Amino acid sequence: MLMPHPAVLRRLVEEYESARAEDAETGAGRASPRAQDLAYTLCVSTGTRDVRQALEIAHGMLAATSEAPAEARHLGVP
């Protein structure tokens, strides 16, 4: 499986969580089109079909990336 670039993945997660927070504030009851698009992209990026699972995997990937030695991150080695 291809691994999304950590910066792209981080931005996707942040934008999705922000969109869902905005949805909750408006009390819409369902995800906005923007949140739905971001959920789809997160699922594709993580190889999943469920956004909850996609977020779990994304957070794990980001944690692993931040724990990797700086030299390995620079070389693109997980």
C-alpha atoms as a PDB file:
ATOM      1  CA  MET A   1       0.000   0.000   0.000  1.00  0.00           C
ATOM      2  CA  LEU A   2       1.209   3.476  -0.772  1.00  0.00           C
ATOM      3  CA  MET A   3       1.806   5.663   2.255  1.00  0.00           C
ATOM      4  CA  PRO A   4       0.484   9.217   2.169  1.00  0.00           C
ATOM      5  CA  HIS A   5       2.987  11.941   2.964  1.00  0.00           C
ATOM      6  CA  PRO A   6       2.714  12.745   6.693  1.00  0.00           C
ATOM      7  CA  ALA A   7       2.093  16.452   6.068  1.00  0.00           C
ATOM      8  CA  VAL A   8      -0.755  15.677   3.668  1.00  0.00           C
ATOM      9  CA  LEU A   9      -2.231  13.108   6.033  1.00  0.00           C
ATOM     10  CA  ARG A  10      -1.987  15.498   8.988  1.00  0.00           C
ATOM     11  CA  ARG A  11      -3.754  18.213   7.004  1.00  0.00           C
ATOM     12  CA  LEU A  12      -6.526  15.801   5.976  1.00  0.00           C
ATOM     13  CA  VAL A  13      -7.105  14.731   9.579  1.00  0.00           C
ATOM     14  CA  GLU A  14      -7.115  18.315  10.841  1.00  0.00           C
ATOM     15  CA  GLU A  15      -9.481  19.503   8.110  1.00  0.00           C
ATOM     16  CA  TYR A  16     -11.836  16.544   8.634  1.00  0.00           C
ATOM     17  CA  GLU A  17     -11.955  17.064  12.404  1.00  0.00           C
ATOM     18  CA  SER A  18     -12.518  20.793  11.904  1.00  0.00           C
ATOM     19  CA  ALA A  19     -15.326  20.176   9.397  1.00  0.00           C
ATOM     20  CA  ARG A  20     -17.034  17.718  11.769  1.00  0.00           C
ATOM     21  CA  ALA A  21     -16.715  20.206  14.645  1.00  0.00           C
ATOM     22  CA  GLU A  22     -18.384  22.852  12.467  1.00  0.00           C
ATOM     23  CA  ASP A  23     -21.120  20.343  11.593  1.00  0.00           C
ATOM     24  CA  ALA A  24     -21.693  19.694  15.294  1.00  0.00           C
ATOM     25  CA  GLU A  25     -21.925  23.425  16.002  1.00  0.00           C
ATOM     26  CA  THR A  26     -24.586  23.925  13.363  1.00  0.00           C
ATOM     27  CA  GLY A  27     -26.511  20.881  14.575  1.00  0.00           C
ATOM     28  CA  ALA A  28     -26.946  19.631  11.008  1.00  0.00           C
ATOM     29  CA  GLY A  29     -27.204  16.020  12.137  1.00  0.00           C
ATOM     30  CA  ARG A  30     -25.238  14.780   9.148  1.00  0.00           C
ATOM     31  CA  ALA A  31     -21.837  15.428   7.662  1.00  0.00           C
ATOM     32  CA  SER A  32     -21.443  18.380   5.342  1.00  0.00           C
ATOM     33  CA  PRO A  33     -20.343  17.734   1.762  1.00  0.00           C
ATOM     34  CA  ARG A  34     -16.849  18.957   2.705  1.00  0.00           C
ATOM     35  CA  ALA A  35     -16.654  16.502   5.618  1.00  0.00           C
ATOM     36  CA  GLN A  36     -17.902  13.705   3.358  1.00  0.00           C
ATOM     37  CA  ASP A  37     -15.224  14.499   0.759  1.00  0.00           C
ATOM     38  CA  LEU A  38     -12.524  14.556   3.422  1.00  0.00           C
ATOM     39  CA  ALA A  39     -13.788  11.277   4.895  1.00  0.00           C
ATOM     40  CA  TYR A  40     -13.598   9.641   1.474  1.00  0.00           C
ATOM     41  CA  THR A  41     -10.061  10.943   0.920  1.00  0.00           C
ATOM     42  CA  LEU A  42      -8.980   9.728   4.362  1.00  0.00           C
ATOM     43  CA  CYS A  43     -10.395   6.280   3.617  1.00  0.00           C
ATOM     44  CA  VAL A  44      -8.610   6.094   0.266  1.00  0.00           C
ATOM     45  CA  SER A  45      -5.377   7.360   1.842  1.00  0.00           C
ATOM     46  CA  THR A  46      -5.460   4.711   4.564  1.00  0.00           C
ATOM     47  CA  GLY A  47      -6.903   1.824   2.555  1.00  0.00           C
ATOM     48  CA  THR A  48     -10.099   1.618   4.612  1.00  0.00           C
ATOM     49  CA  ARG A  49     -13.828   1.988   4.037  1.00  0.00           C
ATOM     50  CA  ASP A  50     -14.851   3.442   7.396  1.00  0.00           C
ATOM     51  CA  VAL A  51     -13.829   6.943   8.447  1.00  0.00           C
ATOM     52  CA  ARG A  52     -13.467   5.930  12.118  1.00  0.00           C
ATOM     53  CA  GLN A  53     -10.989   3.248  11.120  1.00  0.00           C
ATOM     54  CA  ALA A  54      -9.285   5.677   8.723  1.00  0.00           C
ATOM     55  CA  LEU A  55      -8.784   8.172  11.548  1.00  0.00           C
ATOM     56  CA  GLU A  56      -7.386   5.459  13.810  1.00  0.00           C
ATOM     57  CA  ILE A  57      -4.905   4.366  11.171  1.00  0.00           C
ATOM     58  CA  ALA A  58      -4.025   7.962  10.250  1.00  0.00           C
ATOM     59  CA  HIS A  59      -3.310   8.863  13.867  1.00  0.00           C
ATOM     60  CA  GLY A  60      -1.153   5.739  14.172  1.00  0.00           C
ATOM     61  CA  MET A  61       0.776   6.584  11.007  1.00  0.00           C
ATOM     62  CA  LEU A  62       1.341  10.134  12.202  1.00  0.00           C
ATOM     63  CA  ALA A  63       2.486   8.957  15.618  1.00  0.00           C
ATOM     64  CA  ALA A  64       4.907   6.489  14.024  1.00  0.00           C
ATOM     65  CA  THR A  65       6.250   9.209  11.743  1.00  0.00           C
ATOM     66  CA  SER A  66       6.827  11.616  14.604  1.00  0.00           C
ATOM     67  CA  GLU A  67       8.646   8.882  16.547  1.00  0.00           C
ATOM     68  CA  ALA A  68      10.940   7.947  13.644  1.00  0.00           C
ATOM     69  CA  PRO A  69      14.491   9.306  13.853  1.00  0.00           C
ATOM     70  CA  ALA A  70      14.890  12.631  12.048  1.00  0.00           C
ATOM     71  CA  GLU A  71      17.383  11.168   9.581  1.00  0.00           C
ATOM     72  CA  ALA A  72      14.994   8.387   8.560  1.00  0.00           C
ATOM     73  CA  ARG A  73      12.115  10.861   8.146  1.00  0.00           C
ATOM     74  CA  HIS A  74      14.332  12.986   5.906  1.00  0.00           C
ATOM     75  CA  LEU A  75      15.138   9.984   3.750  1.00  0.00           C
ATOM     76  CA  GLY A  76      11.478   8.946   3.596  1.00  0.00           C
ATOM     77  CA  VAL A  77      12.091   5.768   5.590  1.00  0.00           C
ATOM     78  CA  PRO A  78       9.227   4.846   7.974  1.00  0.00           C
END
